[in-house]
Amino acid sequence: MGEFTFRLRSEPSLEARHKAFPFQGEAVEFVTSRDYAAIFHEQGLGKTKIAIDAMLMWLQRKEVDTILIFTKKGLIANWQREFKSHTSINPLVVTENTAKNYYVFTTPCRVILSHFEAAKKELSRFKAWAKSRRVAVIIDESAKIKNPESDLTKAFFELGPYFAKRLIMTGTPVANRPYDVWAQIFFLDQGAALGTDFKAFKKATDFTSELADHPEAFQAFTEALSEVNRKLAPISLRETKDSGRIILPSKEFIRVDCDWEPAQFELYRQVREDLRLLIMRDGQLIEDDQESILKRLLRLIQIASNPSIIDGAYSLLPGKFNYLYDLLTDITRQGEKAIVWTNFNENCEWLNKQLAPFGALPMNGRMNMERRNASINWFLERPENQVLVATPGTAKEGLTLTNANHVIFYDRTYSLDDYLQSQDRIHRVSQTRTCYVYNLIMLNSVDEWVDALLEEKRLAAQITQGDITAAAYAEQASLQFFDILKQILGREDSHS
C-alpha cells in the first residue's frame, strides 16, 4: 500500500455501486496486475464498467493519485452518467477552455475527464501536471490514435511516459486495417511488443492486390497477422459476444437489394465512365490502394445513396428510399424503434425530413452537442420518436440505444470501425430482443464492392484480434474485392 501525494478535504467513497459480470471482474484483475494493458472487448460488453472498477482499485491501493480519462468530446456526458451510476465520484472536466482548465489543473481531485482535442491543445499543461503526481491514464476509443503520423497521436506519444499506469480500450482495435493497432500499442509500451518501425509493420500487414493471386504472399500475410495476435496476448484482453460468457440476443443480417430510379442511374453511369478513365487502363486498376481508390469513388457512393447530395437539381426519390420507408413502416407497426445510418450530413437532414411521419430525429456533425444530446434523450424517452437518423461520426461510439433493435445502413463507406461500432449501438448488454441489421445495396453499383471490402476487413481484424484461427481465415478470406471493383467499373449495364 502506498500513500497519496496529496489529500482531499473529503475523500469520495471508492466502492463500486454495482457488481461486475465475472468476465468484467477478470478484466479488472488483468488490468490492475500490469503497468499497462489494452481491453479490446467487443463493443457492447461494458468496457466502461471495467475501466471504472480498475480505477477504483488503483485508488484503493493508492498506487496512483489521480485518474485521467480521454474520450471523444461527444462521450464526455456519457462518462459523467456512468460515474454517477457506478460510483460516488464526480470527475472534473478539462475542455478546450484554457481559462477554466486552470482551475482543474490546480485543484486536487481523484478523477479528470477530458477529450482528444483538449489533449492536443493543453499538451504542455498536461505534461507539467502529470509530473506533480502519480497519474493513471485511460484512453477510451483508442482507435482515435491509430494514425502515427497525426498530430493527435504524436501528442499522446509524448504524454505516454508521464503516466504511472496506462490503459487503452476499444472494441475495434483493427479499426480499418490490421496496421491500425500499431500506434495504439506503441502508446502503451513504446515499441516493446510490435516494434518501433511503423513502415515495416504496415508493409507486412497491408492488403495488396497480389494477395489474391500469389499463395506465398497470402501465407506470409496470414502468418504476420497471427504473429501480431501472439505478441499482443500478454498485454491485451478480448472478449467477444460469441464466447458464451454472456448471453445476448441474436443479431441477424439482412441484405436488401434496391433498384435504381432511372435519372439516378443515368447520373451514376456518367460519373462512373469518367472515373473509369481515371483509375483503370486496359481493364486493370492503375491504383493498388483501396483507400485511395475509394476516395475517388466517393461520388459514386453518394449518387447510389442520394444524388441530391452532389446535384442540387435532383429532386426525385432515389431508388433506396422506398425500400427504407417500407422497412420502417413494418418495424414501427410492431411497436419497435430503428436507427438509420448514413455517412453524409446532407443526407441525414434530407432523410430526417422525409421520415417525419415516424417522428424521426437527426444526429449529425452539423449539430452542436446540446442538440445531439437532446435527440438522443428524446429517442430514448419518447414513444412517438420511433426513428433516429444518424451519421457514424457523431453516434457510432459510447451510446447505448437498446430501446431500438433495428439498424438500417442506408449507405456505407470503407470504414470497418464505422460499420461495426454503429450496428452495436443496439446489440449490447441490456438488450433483450433479437437485433436486425439491414444493408441497403444498390444493384450493379459500388455498394457491392464496399460490401465485399468490409467483409474482407472484418476477417483480417478477426485473425489479428484472435477471434478466428489462421486456418479459419485462410478458408474464409477470398480477397476478391479487386476483381469485384474491376467488374463494377468495367461492366456494360442492361438497366432499363
Protein backbone atom coordinates (compact mmCIF):
# COMPACT_ATOMS: atom_id res chain seq x y z
CA MET A 1 0.00 0.00 0.00
CA GLY A 2 1.33 3.41 -0.91
CA GLU A 3 0.23 6.88 0.15
CA PHE A 4 -1.44 9.63 -1.81
CA THR A 5 0.91 12.54 -2.52
CA PHE A 6 -1.94 14.90 -1.65
CA ARG A 7 -5.10 14.71 0.42
CA LEU A 8 -8.62 15.88 -0.32
CA ARG A 9 -10.75 17.65 2.26
CA SER A 10 -13.35 14.97 1.73
CA GLU A 11 -12.33 11.72 0.10
CA PRO A 12 -15.10 10.14 -2.01
CA SER A 13 -16.10 6.56 -1.43
CA LEU A 14 -14.01 4.28 -3.63
CA GLU A 15 -16.51 1.42 -3.63
CA ALA A 16 -18.41 0.43 -6.78
CA ARG A 17 -22.18 0.65 -6.56
CA HIS A 18 -22.89 -2.29 -8.84
CA LYS A 19 -21.33 -5.72 -9.13
CA ALA A 20 -19.49 -6.56 -12.33
CA PHE A 21 -20.11 -9.60 -14.51
CA PRO A 22 -17.49 -12.34 -13.94
CA PHE A 23 -15.71 -11.62 -17.24
CA GLN A 24 -15.54 -7.92 -16.30
CA GLY A 25 -14.06 -8.78 -12.93
CA GLU A 26 -11.41 -10.91 -14.61
CA ALA A 27 -10.57 -7.98 -16.89
CA VAL A 28 -10.16 -5.69 -13.87
CA GLU A 29 -7.70 -8.17 -12.32
CA PHE A 30 -5.82 -8.34 -15.64
CA VAL A 31 -5.54 -4.56 -15.92
CA THR A 32 -4.58 -3.87 -12.33
CA SER A 33 -1.84 -6.52 -12.33
CA ARG A 34 0.10 -4.59 -15.01
CA ASP A 35 1.51 -1.12 -15.56
CA TYR A 36 -0.13 -1.03 -18.98
CA ALA A 37 -2.84 -3.03 -20.72
CA ALA A 38 -5.40 -3.00 -23.53
CA ILE A 39 -9.03 -4.04 -23.22
CA PHE A 40 -10.29 -4.96 -26.67
CA HIS A 41 -13.64 -6.42 -25.62
CA GLU A 42 -16.19 -6.32 -28.41
CA GLN A 43 -18.39 -3.24 -28.34
CA GLY A 44 -21.38 -3.57 -26.07
CA LEU A 45 -19.71 -5.67 -23.38
CA GLY A 46 -19.25 -2.97 -20.77
CA LYS A 47 -15.67 -1.73 -21.11
CA THR A 48 -16.62 1.45 -19.23
CA LYS A 49 -17.55 -0.62 -16.17
CA ILE A 50 -14.20 -2.42 -16.39
CA ALA A 51 -12.33 0.89 -16.54
CA ILE A 52 -14.24 2.36 -13.59
CA ASP A 53 -13.66 -0.70 -11.40
CA ALA A 54 -9.95 -0.76 -12.35
CA MET A 55 -9.50 2.90 -11.45
CA LEU A 56 -11.28 2.40 -8.13
CA MET A 57 -8.88 -0.44 -7.34
CA TRP A 58 -5.84 1.68 -8.25
CA LEU A 59 -7.11 4.42 -5.93
CA GLN A 60 -7.99 1.99 -3.14
CA ARG A 61 -4.46 0.62 -3.27
CA LYS A 62 -3.09 4.18 -3.51
CA GLU A 63 -0.98 3.16 -6.48
CA VAL A 64 -1.89 6.44 -8.17
CA ASP A 65 -3.21 9.80 -7.02
CA THR A 66 -5.39 10.72 -9.98
CA ILE A 67 -7.12 9.05 -12.90
CA LEU A 68 -7.15 10.89 -16.25
CA ILE A 69 -9.63 9.69 -18.88
CA PHE A 70 -9.50 10.76 -22.51
CA THR A 71 -12.52 10.10 -24.69
CA LYS A 72 -14.31 11.66 -27.62
CA LYS A 73 -15.90 15.04 -26.98
CA GLY A 74 -19.36 13.66 -27.61
CA LEU A 75 -18.87 10.96 -24.96
CA ILE A 76 -17.99 13.20 -22.01
CA ALA A 77 -21.65 13.37 -20.94
CA ASN A 78 -21.93 9.58 -21.25
CA TRP A 79 -18.92 9.08 -18.94
CA GLN A 80 -20.41 11.53 -16.44
CA ARG A 81 -23.62 9.46 -16.42
CA GLU A 82 -21.61 6.28 -15.90
CA PHE A 83 -19.71 7.76 -12.95
CA LYS A 84 -22.97 8.89 -11.37
CA SER A 85 -24.45 5.42 -11.84
CA HIS A 86 -21.48 3.34 -10.72
CA THR A 87 -19.54 5.49 -8.21
CA SER A 88 -19.64 8.32 -5.68
CA ILE A 89 -17.06 10.28 -7.67
CA ASN A 90 -17.87 13.48 -9.53
CA PRO A 91 -15.00 13.99 -12.02
CA LEU A 92 -13.69 17.38 -13.08
CA VAL A 93 -13.51 18.10 -16.82
CA VAL A 94 -10.70 19.58 -18.92
CA THR A 95 -12.05 21.15 -22.10
CA GLU A 96 -10.59 23.47 -24.74
CA ASN A 97 -11.34 26.46 -22.49
CA THR A 98 -7.85 27.17 -21.17
CA ALA A 99 -9.05 29.71 -18.59
CA LYS A 100 -11.44 27.25 -16.93
CA ASN A 101 -8.87 24.47 -17.21
CA TYR A 102 -6.54 26.39 -14.88
CA TYR A 103 -8.94 25.64 -12.02
CA VAL A 104 -8.96 21.92 -12.85
CA PHE A 105 -5.17 21.67 -13.12
CA THR A 106 -4.70 23.40 -9.75
CA THR A 107 -7.48 21.65 -7.82
CA PRO A 108 -6.71 18.38 -6.03
CA CYS A 109 -9.06 15.69 -7.31
CA ARG A 110 -9.15 11.95 -7.97
CA VAL A 111 -10.63 11.78 -11.49
CA ILE A 112 -10.43 14.09 -14.51
CA LEU A 113 -12.31 13.66 -17.76
CA SER A 114 -11.04 15.19 -20.99
CA HIS A 115 -11.29 14.73 -24.73
CA PHE A 116 -8.83 14.31 -27.58
CA GLU A 117 -8.92 17.89 -28.86
CA ALA A 118 -8.15 19.19 -25.37
CA ALA A 119 -5.22 16.78 -25.05
CA LYS A 120 -3.58 18.37 -28.06
CA LYS A 121 -4.36 21.96 -27.03
CA GLU A 122 -3.28 21.51 -23.40
CA LEU A 123 -0.31 19.21 -24.06
CA SER A 124 2.26 21.27 -22.17
CA ARG A 125 0.00 21.73 -19.13
CA PHE A 126 -0.87 18.03 -19.05
CA LYS A 127 2.87 17.25 -19.01
CA ALA A 128 3.58 19.65 -16.16
CA TRP A 129 0.53 18.45 -14.25
CA ALA A 130 1.47 14.77 -14.63
CA LYS A 131 4.95 15.46 -13.24
CA SER A 132 3.44 16.62 -9.95
CA ARG A 133 1.58 13.42 -9.10
CA ARG A 134 1.18 9.76 -9.95
CA VAL A 135 -1.37 9.55 -12.77
CA ALA A 136 -3.15 6.62 -14.38
CA VAL A 137 -4.44 7.33 -17.88
CA ILE A 138 -7.31 5.64 -19.68
CA ILE A 139 -7.87 6.20 -23.40
CA ASP A 140 -11.43 5.36 -24.37
CA GLU A 141 -11.98 4.51 -28.06
CA SER A 142 -8.23 4.32 -28.58
CA ALA A 143 -8.60 3.74 -32.33
CA LYS A 144 -8.75 7.54 -32.42
CA ILE A 145 -4.92 7.47 -32.17
CA LYS A 146 -4.41 4.79 -34.82
CA ASN A 147 -2.55 7.08 -37.25
CA PRO A 148 1.06 7.52 -36.05
CA GLU A 149 1.54 10.46 -38.42
CA SER A 150 -1.30 12.58 -36.99
CA ASP A 151 -0.61 15.46 -34.63
CA LEU A 152 -3.04 13.96 -32.12
CA THR A 153 -1.24 10.62 -31.97
CA LYS A 154 2.15 12.32 -31.70
CA ALA A 155 0.82 14.30 -28.74
CA PHE A 156 -0.16 11.08 -26.99
CA PHE A 157 3.21 9.53 -27.78
CA GLU A 158 4.76 12.50 -25.93
CA LEU A 159 2.40 12.13 -22.98
CA GLY A 160 2.69 8.36 -22.59
CA PRO A 161 5.87 8.14 -20.48
CA TYR A 162 4.47 10.59 -17.91
CA PHE A 163 1.80 8.14 -16.70
CA ALA A 164 2.32 5.54 -13.98
CA LYS A 165 -0.48 3.34 -15.38
CA ARG A 166 -1.79 3.19 -18.94
CA LEU A 167 -4.98 1.56 -20.22
CA ILE A 168 -6.42 1.75 -23.72
CA MET A 169 -9.89 0.50 -24.68
CA THR A 170 -11.71 -0.10 -27.92
CA GLY A 171 -13.94 -2.80 -29.35
CA THR A 172 -12.35 -2.28 -32.77
CA PRO A 173 -8.54 -2.11 -32.35
CA VAL A 174 -8.26 -3.00 -36.04
CA ALA A 175 -10.43 -0.06 -36.99
CA ASN A 176 -9.89 -0.34 -40.72
CA ARG A 177 -6.67 -2.21 -41.48
CA PRO A 178 -4.51 -4.58 -39.39
CA TYR A 179 -1.77 -1.98 -39.07
CA ASP A 180 -4.15 0.36 -37.20
CA VAL A 181 -3.25 -1.42 -33.97
CA TRP A 182 0.44 -0.38 -34.05
CA ALA A 183 0.16 3.22 -32.78
CA GLN A 184 -2.27 2.26 -30.01
CA ILE A 185 0.16 -0.33 -28.68
CA PHE A 186 3.16 1.97 -29.14
CA PHE A 187 1.47 4.43 -26.78
CA LEU A 188 1.40 1.69 -24.15
CA ASP A 189 4.88 0.21 -24.48
CA GLN A 190 7.00 2.43 -26.77
CA GLY A 191 7.51 -0.43 -29.21
CA ALA A 192 8.21 -3.40 -26.91
CA ALA A 193 5.52 -5.63 -28.47
CA LEU A 194 5.19 -4.56 -32.12
CA GLY A 195 8.48 -2.79 -32.70
CA THR A 196 9.38 0.83 -33.39
CA ASP A 197 9.28 0.72 -37.21
CA PHE A 198 5.74 1.50 -38.32
CA LYS A 199 6.55 1.39 -42.04
CA ALA A 200 7.88 -2.16 -41.77
CA PHE A 201 4.87 -3.21 -39.70
CA LYS A 202 2.48 -1.66 -42.21
CA LYS A 203 4.18 -3.36 -45.14
CA ALA A 204 3.81 -6.78 -43.53
CA THR A 205 0.14 -6.32 -42.58
CA ASP A 206 -1.38 -4.40 -45.50
CA PHE A 207 -3.82 -5.57 -48.18
CA THR A 208 -2.25 -5.66 -51.64
CA SER A 209 -3.55 -6.90 -54.97
CA GLU A 210 -1.01 -9.74 -55.06
CA LEU A 211 -2.60 -11.49 -52.07
CA ALA A 212 -5.39 -12.98 -54.18
CA ASP A 213 -3.08 -14.28 -56.91
CA HIS A 214 0.06 -15.35 -55.03
CA PRO A 215 -0.40 -18.09 -52.38
CA GLU A 216 3.01 -17.40 -50.83
CA ALA A 217 2.14 -13.72 -50.31
CA PHE A 218 -1.21 -14.66 -48.77
CA GLN A 219 0.51 -17.16 -46.46
CA ALA A 220 3.03 -14.55 -45.30
CA PHE A 221 0.20 -12.08 -44.72
CA THR A 222 -1.77 -14.62 -42.67
CA GLU A 223 1.28 -15.50 -40.59
CA ALA A 224 2.02 -11.82 -39.95
CA LEU A 225 -1.50 -11.23 -38.63
CA SER A 226 -1.32 -14.31 -36.39
CA GLU A 227 2.03 -13.11 -35.05
CA VAL A 228 0.53 -9.75 -34.11
CA ASN A 229 -2.11 -11.50 -32.04
CA ARG A 230 0.53 -13.64 -30.32
CA LYS A 231 2.61 -10.58 -29.41
CA LEU A 232 -0.39 -8.74 -28.00
CA ALA A 233 -1.62 -11.61 -25.81
CA PRO A 234 0.48 -10.73 -22.71
CA ILE A 235 -0.83 -7.14 -22.56
CA SER A 236 -4.31 -7.30 -24.07
CA LEU A 237 -7.60 -8.98 -23.30
CA ARG A 238 -10.50 -9.54 -25.67
CA GLU A 239 -13.96 -10.90 -25.04
CA THR A 240 -16.49 -11.39 -27.82
CA LYS A 241 -20.22 -11.87 -27.77
CA ASP A 242 -19.72 -15.37 -29.18
CA SER A 243 -17.56 -16.58 -26.30
CA GLY A 244 -20.53 -17.80 -24.26
CA ARG A 245 -19.53 -15.79 -21.18
CA ILE A 246 -22.56 -13.56 -21.51
CA ILE A 247 -25.77 -14.30 -23.35
CA LEU A 248 -27.09 -11.67 -25.73
CA PRO A 249 -29.97 -11.96 -28.18
CA SER A 250 -29.02 -12.98 -31.71
CA LYS A 251 -28.05 -10.46 -34.37
CA GLU A 252 -29.43 -11.12 -37.85
CA PHE A 253 -28.11 -9.56 -41.05
CA ILE A 254 -30.45 -8.82 -43.93
CA ARG A 255 -29.29 -7.64 -47.34
CA VAL A 256 -31.85 -5.50 -49.17
CA ASP A 257 -31.18 -5.25 -52.92
CA CYS A 258 -32.53 -1.99 -54.32
CA ASP A 259 -33.46 -0.91 -57.86
CA TRP A 260 -32.43 2.37 -59.44
CA GLU A 261 -34.54 5.40 -60.05
CA PRO A 262 -33.86 5.99 -63.81
CA ALA A 263 -32.46 9.54 -63.58
CA GLN A 264 -30.32 8.46 -60.64
CA PHE A 265 -28.88 5.58 -62.64
CA GLU A 266 -28.08 7.79 -65.62
CA LEU A 267 -26.11 10.20 -63.41
CA TYR A 268 -24.32 7.25 -61.80
CA ARG A 269 -23.43 5.81 -65.21
CA GLN A 270 -21.98 9.10 -66.45
CA VAL A 271 -19.83 9.64 -63.36
CA ARG A 272 -18.69 6.00 -63.42
CA GLU A 273 -17.49 6.36 -67.01
CA ASP A 274 -15.44 9.41 -66.07
CA LEU A 275 -13.89 7.63 -63.09
CA ARG A 276 -13.13 4.51 -65.13
CA LEU A 277 -10.77 6.57 -67.26
CA LEU A 278 -9.00 7.85 -64.14
CA ILE A 279 -8.37 4.58 -62.27
CA MET A 280 -8.36 1.86 -64.97
CA ARG A 281 -6.23 1.21 -68.03
CA ASP A 282 -6.54 -1.80 -70.35
CA GLY A 283 -9.02 -3.43 -67.97
CA GLN A 284 -6.64 -3.18 -65.00
CA LEU A 285 -6.62 -0.90 -61.96
CA ILE A 286 -3.97 1.80 -62.09
CA GLU A 287 -4.03 2.28 -58.31
CA ASP A 288 -3.36 -0.51 -55.82
CA ASP A 289 -4.58 1.14 -52.61
CA GLN A 290 -8.26 0.69 -51.77
CA GLU A 291 -8.47 3.83 -49.65
CA SER A 292 -7.11 5.98 -52.49
CA ILE A 293 -9.49 4.33 -54.93
CA LEU A 294 -12.48 4.78 -52.68
CA LYS A 295 -11.78 8.46 -52.16
CA ARG A 296 -12.10 8.78 -55.91
CA LEU A 297 -15.26 6.69 -55.83
CA LEU A 298 -16.98 8.66 -53.07
CA ARG A 299 -19.15 10.43 -55.62
CA LEU A 300 -20.48 7.06 -56.80
CA ILE A 301 -21.37 6.11 -53.22
CA GLN A 302 -23.18 9.42 -52.82
CA ILE A 303 -25.14 9.00 -56.06
CA ALA A 304 -26.11 5.43 -55.18
CA SER A 305 -27.39 6.81 -51.87
CA ASN A 306 -28.97 10.10 -52.90
CA PRO A 307 -27.91 12.17 -55.95
CA SER A 308 -29.11 15.41 -54.35
CA ILE A 309 -26.02 15.28 -52.12
CA ILE A 310 -23.91 16.38 -55.10
CA ASP A 311 -26.56 17.61 -57.55
CA GLY A 312 -28.94 20.20 -56.15
CA ALA A 313 -31.13 19.91 -59.24
CA TYR A 314 -32.06 16.30 -58.40
CA SER A 315 -35.46 16.36 -56.64
CA LEU A 316 -36.77 12.81 -57.14
CA LEU A 317 -36.89 10.00 -54.60
CA PRO A 318 -33.70 7.89 -55.03
CA GLY A 319 -34.00 4.15 -55.50
CA LYS A 320 -33.26 3.16 -51.92
CA PHE A 321 -35.81 5.42 -50.29
CA ASN A 322 -38.98 3.40 -50.93
CA TYR A 323 -37.27 0.27 -49.59
CA LEU A 324 -36.28 2.21 -46.47
CA TYR A 325 -39.78 3.61 -45.98
CA ASP A 326 -41.37 0.18 -46.32
CA LEU A 327 -38.91 -1.29 -43.82
CA LEU A 328 -39.61 1.43 -41.27
CA THR A 329 -43.35 1.04 -41.75
CA ASP A 330 -43.11 -2.66 -40.89
CA ILE A 331 -40.77 -2.04 -37.94
CA THR A 332 -42.78 0.74 -36.33
CA ARG A 333 -46.08 -1.13 -36.77
CA GLN A 334 -44.59 -3.74 -34.46
CA GLY A 335 -44.01 -1.02 -31.88
CA GLU A 336 -40.23 -1.15 -32.33
CA LYS A 337 -37.63 1.55 -32.99
CA ALA A 338 -34.86 1.83 -35.57
CA ILE A 339 -31.64 3.72 -36.27
CA VAL A 340 -30.98 4.74 -39.88
CA TRP A 341 -27.29 5.28 -40.65
CA THR A 342 -25.92 7.49 -43.42
CA ASN A 343 -22.38 8.84 -43.80
CA PHE A 344 -23.40 12.25 -45.11
CA ASN A 345 -24.70 15.21 -43.12
CA GLU A 346 -26.81 16.41 -46.05
CA ASN A 347 -28.41 13.01 -46.38
CA CYS A 348 -29.12 12.88 -42.65
CA GLU A 349 -31.00 16.16 -42.85
CA TRP A 350 -32.90 15.13 -46.01
CA LEU A 351 -33.85 11.73 -44.61
CA ASN A 352 -34.95 13.25 -41.34
CA LYS A 353 -37.45 15.46 -43.18
CA GLN A 354 -38.69 12.60 -45.37
CA LEU A 355 -39.17 10.35 -42.34
CA ALA A 356 -41.14 12.88 -40.31
CA PRO A 357 -44.20 10.53 -40.14
CA PHE A 358 -42.10 8.26 -37.89
CA GLY A 359 -41.14 11.09 -35.53
CA ALA A 360 -37.59 10.97 -36.89
CA LEU A 361 -34.78 12.71 -35.03
CA PRO A 362 -31.43 13.75 -36.57
CA MET A 363 -27.89 13.41 -35.20
CA ASN A 364 -25.09 14.67 -37.42
CA GLY A 365 -21.89 16.70 -37.48
CA ARG A 366 -23.65 19.98 -38.20
CA MET A 367 -25.46 19.88 -34.86
CA ASN A 368 -23.95 21.21 -31.64
CA MET A 369 -23.56 18.94 -28.62
CA GLU A 370 -26.70 20.23 -26.92
CA ARG A 371 -28.87 19.37 -29.93
CA ARG A 372 -27.26 15.96 -30.30
CA ASN A 373 -27.88 15.11 -26.65
CA ALA A 374 -31.49 16.27 -27.00
CA SER A 375 -32.04 13.95 -29.97
CA ILE A 376 -30.63 11.01 -28.03
CA ASN A 377 -32.70 11.74 -24.94
CA TRP A 378 -35.92 12.14 -26.93
CA PHE A 379 -35.24 8.94 -28.86
CA LEU A 380 -34.70 7.09 -25.59
CA GLU A 381 -37.64 8.59 -23.72
CA ARG A 382 -40.43 9.43 -26.19
CA PRO A 383 -42.52 6.64 -27.74
CA GLU A 384 -43.52 8.87 -30.67
CA ASN A 385 -39.90 9.32 -31.79
CA GLN A 386 -39.51 5.96 -33.49
CA VAL A 387 -36.52 6.63 -35.76
CA LEU A 388 -33.06 8.13 -35.21
CA VAL A 389 -31.26 9.23 -38.39
CA ALA A 390 -27.56 9.45 -37.56
CA THR A 391 -24.08 9.67 -39.02
CA PRO A 392 -21.44 7.27 -37.66
CA GLY A 393 -19.11 10.19 -36.97
CA THR A 394 -21.46 11.51 -34.28
CA ALA A 395 -23.18 8.45 -32.81
CA LYS A 396 -21.27 5.25 -33.51
CA GLU A 397 -19.46 5.02 -30.17
CA GLY A 398 -20.24 5.01 -26.47
CA LEU A 399 -24.02 5.18 -26.77
CA THR A 400 -26.38 2.51 -25.50
CA LEU A 401 -29.52 2.61 -27.64
CA THR A 402 -31.04 -0.73 -26.76
CA ASN A 403 -34.56 0.71 -26.83
CA ALA A 404 -34.14 0.09 -30.57
CA ASN A 405 -33.47 -3.32 -32.07
CA HIS A 406 -33.16 -2.44 -35.76
CA VAL A 407 -30.32 -0.63 -37.57
CA ILE A 408 -30.54 0.20 -41.27
CA PHE A 409 -27.46 1.20 -43.25
CA TYR A 410 -28.74 3.48 -45.99
CA ASP A 411 -25.14 3.79 -47.22
CA ARG A 412 -21.68 2.68 -46.09
CA THR A 413 -18.09 3.66 -46.81
CA TYR A 414 -14.92 1.59 -46.46
CA SER A 415 -14.62 2.16 -42.67
CA LEU A 416 -14.92 -1.13 -40.78
CA ASP A 417 -14.92 0.77 -37.50
CA ASP A 418 -17.95 2.82 -38.56
CA TYR A 419 -19.83 -0.29 -39.62
CA LEU A 420 -19.14 -2.45 -36.56
CA GLN A 421 -19.50 0.27 -33.96
CA SER A 422 -22.73 1.61 -35.48
CA GLN A 423 -24.55 -1.69 -35.57
CA ASP A 424 -23.64 -2.46 -31.99
CA ARG A 425 -25.35 0.60 -30.53
CA ILE A 426 -28.31 -1.78 -30.20
CA HIS A 427 -26.56 -5.14 -29.65
CA ARG A 428 -25.27 -4.63 -26.12
CA VAL A 429 -25.63 -5.74 -22.53
CA SER A 430 -29.24 -4.89 -21.53
CA GLN A 431 -30.68 -5.73 -24.96
CA THR A 432 -33.46 -8.32 -24.64
CA ARG A 433 -34.75 -8.61 -28.22
CA THR A 434 -33.37 -10.06 -31.44
CA CYS A 435 -31.39 -7.38 -33.30
CA TYR A 436 -31.66 -6.81 -37.04
CA VAL A 437 -29.01 -5.21 -39.26
CA TYR A 438 -30.19 -4.21 -42.74
CA ASN A 439 -27.79 -3.25 -45.54
CA LEU A 440 -29.42 -1.38 -48.42
CA ILE A 441 -27.39 -2.19 -51.54
CA MET A 442 -27.96 -0.67 -54.93
CA LEU A 443 -27.63 -3.40 -57.54
CA ASN A 444 -24.78 -3.08 -60.05
CA SER A 445 -23.12 -0.36 -58.04
CA VAL A 446 -20.11 0.47 -55.91
CA ASP A 447 -22.21 -0.66 -52.91
CA GLU A 448 -21.36 -4.24 -53.86
CA TRP A 449 -17.63 -3.54 -53.69
CA VAL A 450 -17.96 -1.81 -50.32
CA ASP A 451 -19.86 -4.85 -49.05
CA ALA A 452 -17.09 -7.21 -50.17
CA LEU A 453 -14.29 -4.98 -48.89
CA LEU A 454 -15.84 -4.64 -45.44
CA GLU A 455 -16.19 -8.41 -45.16
CA GLU A 456 -12.50 -8.91 -46.01
CA LYS A 457 -11.51 -6.25 -43.49
CA ARG A 458 -13.68 -7.90 -40.85
CA LEU A 459 -11.95 -11.23 -41.36
CA ALA A 460 -8.49 -9.63 -41.22
CA ALA A 461 -9.47 -7.88 -37.99
CA GLN A 462 -10.71 -11.15 -36.51
CA ILE A 463 -7.45 -13.03 -37.06
CA THR A 464 -5.41 -10.08 -35.77
CA GLN A 465 -7.58 -9.88 -32.65
CA GLY A 466 -7.58 -13.66 -32.12
CA ASP A 467 -11.29 -14.10 -32.84
CA ILE A 468 -10.58 -16.75 -35.50
CA THR A 469 -7.67 -19.05 -36.26
CA ALA A 470 -5.27 -18.75 -39.17
CA ALA A 471 -6.88 -21.83 -40.71
CA ALA A 472 -10.35 -20.30 -40.47
CA TYR A 473 -9.08 -17.08 -42.00
CA ALA A 474 -7.44 -18.89 -44.92
CA GLU A 475 -10.66 -20.78 -45.56
CA GLN A 476 -12.99 -17.75 -45.45
CA ALA A 477 -10.94 -14.93 -47.00
CA SER A 478 -11.39 -14.59 -50.75
CA LEU A 479 -9.67 -11.23 -51.31
CA GLN A 480 -11.69 -10.79 -54.48
CA PHE A 481 -12.58 -7.14 -53.90
CA PHE A 482 -10.11 -6.06 -56.60
CA ASP A 483 -11.89 -8.24 -59.15
CA ILE A 484 -15.30 -7.03 -57.97
CA LEU A 485 -14.19 -3.44 -58.39
CA LYS A 486 -12.94 -4.09 -61.92
CA GLN A 487 -16.27 -5.73 -62.77
CA ILE A 488 -18.24 -2.81 -61.34
CA LEU A 489 -16.22 -0.22 -63.23
CA GLY A 490 -15.94 -2.20 -66.43
CA ARG A 491 -19.35 -3.81 -66.78
CA GLU A 492 -21.79 -2.98 -69.53
CA ASP A 493 -25.20 -2.41 -67.99
CA SER A 494 -28.54 -3.61 -69.28
CA HIS A 495 -30.50 -1.35 -66.94
CA SER A 496 -33.97 -0.43 -68.04
